[in-house]
Amino acid sequence: MIKPEQLRAEALKLPRAMERPHFDWASFRVDAPKGKIFCTLPPHHEFSNLFLTPEEQQMLCAAEPDILFPVPNKWGEKGATSIRLAVCDLATLRSALTLSWRHAAPAKLHALLTGK
């Protein structure tokens, strides 16, 4: 089980991550020129939304159907994916957050993940 504080801590460990409001939700963004969102957390804390490619979404949802599911709207068709916090483990959360961060971050920041 992932608690909101754990999600927040894991998201903010990623390079140049920052938290900002997104309507009444929390959003986690890459502090870069466009400040793209890589994760959102609604007030009810039942799930979090991440942004994957449709191919990544399909693969991860098939591998972990109890944890991950497409957002049920047009965003979901583009790769927006929800992660159920009550049944998620830390390794799955970290992996999904990192994938989402990589899509939001400019390519020049990707080396910050590995230190190379």
Protein backbone atom coordinates (compact mmCIF):
# COMPACT_ATOMS: atom_id res chain seq x y z
CA MET A 1 0.00 0.00 0.00
CA ILE A 2 1.27 3.43 -0.96
CA LYS A 3 0.24 6.38 1.16
CA PRO A 4 -0.02 9.87 -0.33
CA GLU A 5 3.07 10.97 1.60
CA GLN A 6 5.07 8.11 0.06
CA LEU A 7 3.93 8.99 -3.44
CA ARG A 8 4.84 12.62 -2.83
CA ALA A 9 8.29 11.69 -1.50
CA GLU A 10 9.02 9.32 -4.40
CA ALA A 11 7.86 11.82 -7.03
CA LEU A 12 9.96 14.59 -5.51
CA LYS A 13 13.09 12.37 -5.47
CA LEU A 14 13.14 12.49 -9.27
CA PRO A 15 15.51 15.07 -10.76
CA ARG A 16 14.16 18.63 -10.83
CA ALA A 17 10.71 17.49 -9.69
CA MET A 18 8.43 20.01 -8.04
CA GLU A 19 4.89 19.98 -6.69
CA ARG A 20 2.28 22.47 -7.86
CA PRO A 21 -1.51 22.61 -7.63
CA HIS A 22 -3.48 21.45 -10.65
CA PHE A 23 -7.05 22.59 -10.02
CA ASP A 24 -7.92 20.80 -6.73
CA TRP A 25 -5.33 18.05 -7.32
CA ALA A 26 -1.63 17.98 -6.54
CA SER A 27 0.62 17.72 -9.58
CA PHE A 28 4.24 16.77 -9.87
CA ARG A 29 6.16 18.42 -12.67
CA VAL A 30 9.62 18.61 -14.10
CA ASP A 31 11.13 22.00 -13.32
CA ALA A 32 12.06 22.80 -16.89
CA PRO A 33 10.88 25.43 -19.37
CA LYS A 34 7.46 23.88 -19.92
CA GLY A 35 6.99 22.44 -16.42
CA LYS A 36 5.28 19.33 -17.77
CA ILE A 37 3.23 17.19 -15.41
CA PHE A 38 4.37 13.60 -14.87
CA CYS A 39 2.01 12.65 -12.02
CA THR A 40 -1.19 13.90 -10.41
CA LEU A 41 -2.77 13.07 -7.07
CA PRO A 42 -6.46 13.78 -6.46
CA PRO A 43 -7.77 14.78 -3.02
CA HIS A 44 -9.34 11.36 -2.38
CA HIS A 45 -5.91 9.63 -2.69
CA GLU A 46 -7.39 6.39 -4.08
CA PHE A 47 -5.21 6.53 -7.17
CA SER A 48 -2.67 8.67 -8.91
CA ASN A 49 -2.39 9.41 -12.62
CA LEU A 50 0.77 8.98 -14.66
CA PHE A 51 1.55 9.69 -18.29
CA LEU A 52 2.91 6.81 -20.35
CA THR A 53 2.97 5.98 -24.03
CA PRO A 54 -0.01 3.90 -25.18
CA GLU A 55 2.37 0.97 -25.68
CA GLU A 56 3.80 1.25 -22.16
CA GLN A 57 0.30 1.59 -20.79
CA GLN A 58 -0.88 -1.54 -22.56
CA MET A 59 2.12 -3.56 -21.37
CA LEU A 60 1.99 -2.39 -17.74
CA CYS A 61 -1.80 -2.67 -17.41
CA ALA A 62 -1.62 -6.23 -18.77
CA ALA A 63 1.20 -7.11 -16.35
CA GLU A 64 -0.40 -5.47 -13.28
CA PRO A 65 -4.19 -5.28 -13.95
CA ASP A 66 -5.03 -4.91 -10.24
CA ILE A 67 -2.71 -1.93 -9.90
CA LEU A 68 -2.74 -0.05 -13.22
CA PHE A 69 -5.60 0.90 -15.54
CA PRO A 70 -6.13 3.43 -18.35
CA VAL A 71 -7.77 6.71 -17.38
CA PRO A 72 -11.35 6.22 -18.67
CA ASN A 73 -11.46 9.09 -21.17
CA LYS A 74 -9.64 10.49 -24.21
CA TRP A 75 -6.52 11.09 -22.09
CA GLY A 76 -6.47 7.38 -21.32
CA GLU A 77 -6.37 6.59 -25.02
CA LYS A 78 -3.21 8.70 -25.24
CA GLY A 79 -1.47 6.85 -22.38
CA ALA A 80 -2.77 8.54 -19.22
CA THR A 81 -2.75 5.73 -16.67
CA SER A 82 -4.12 5.45 -13.13
CA ILE A 83 -2.31 3.57 -10.40
CA ARG A 84 -4.31 2.21 -7.44
CA LEU A 85 -2.38 3.23 -4.35
CA ALA A 86 -4.05 0.76 -1.95
CA VAL A 87 -2.63 -2.25 -3.84
CA CYS A 88 0.57 -0.78 -5.26
CA ASP A 89 4.05 -1.72 -4.05
CA LEU A 90 7.00 0.65 -3.90
CA ALA A 91 8.92 -0.97 -6.78
CA THR A 92 5.93 -0.65 -9.15
CA LEU A 93 5.36 2.96 -8.11
CA ARG A 94 9.02 3.91 -8.63
CA SER A 95 9.14 2.25 -12.03
CA ALA A 96 5.93 3.90 -13.25
CA LEU A 97 6.92 7.33 -11.89
CA THR A 98 10.29 7.10 -13.61
CA LEU A 99 8.73 6.19 -16.96
CA SER A 100 6.29 9.08 -16.67
CA TRP A 101 9.04 11.50 -15.60
CA ARG A 102 11.12 10.54 -18.66
CA HIS A 103 8.25 11.56 -20.95
CA ALA A 104 7.81 14.91 -19.22
CA ALA A 105 11.49 15.82 -18.89
CA PRO A 106 13.50 17.27 -21.75
CA ALA A 107 16.00 14.74 -23.15
CA LYS A 108 18.93 16.76 -21.80
CA LEU A 109 17.74 15.97 -18.24
CA HIS A 110 17.49 12.19 -18.72
CA ALA A 111 21.13 11.70 -17.71
CA LEU A 112 20.24 13.04 -14.25
CA LEU A 113 18.46 9.74 -13.55
CA THR A 114 21.65 7.74 -13.96
CA GLY A 115 24.20 10.37 -13.05
CA LYS A 116 25.92 10.02 -16.44
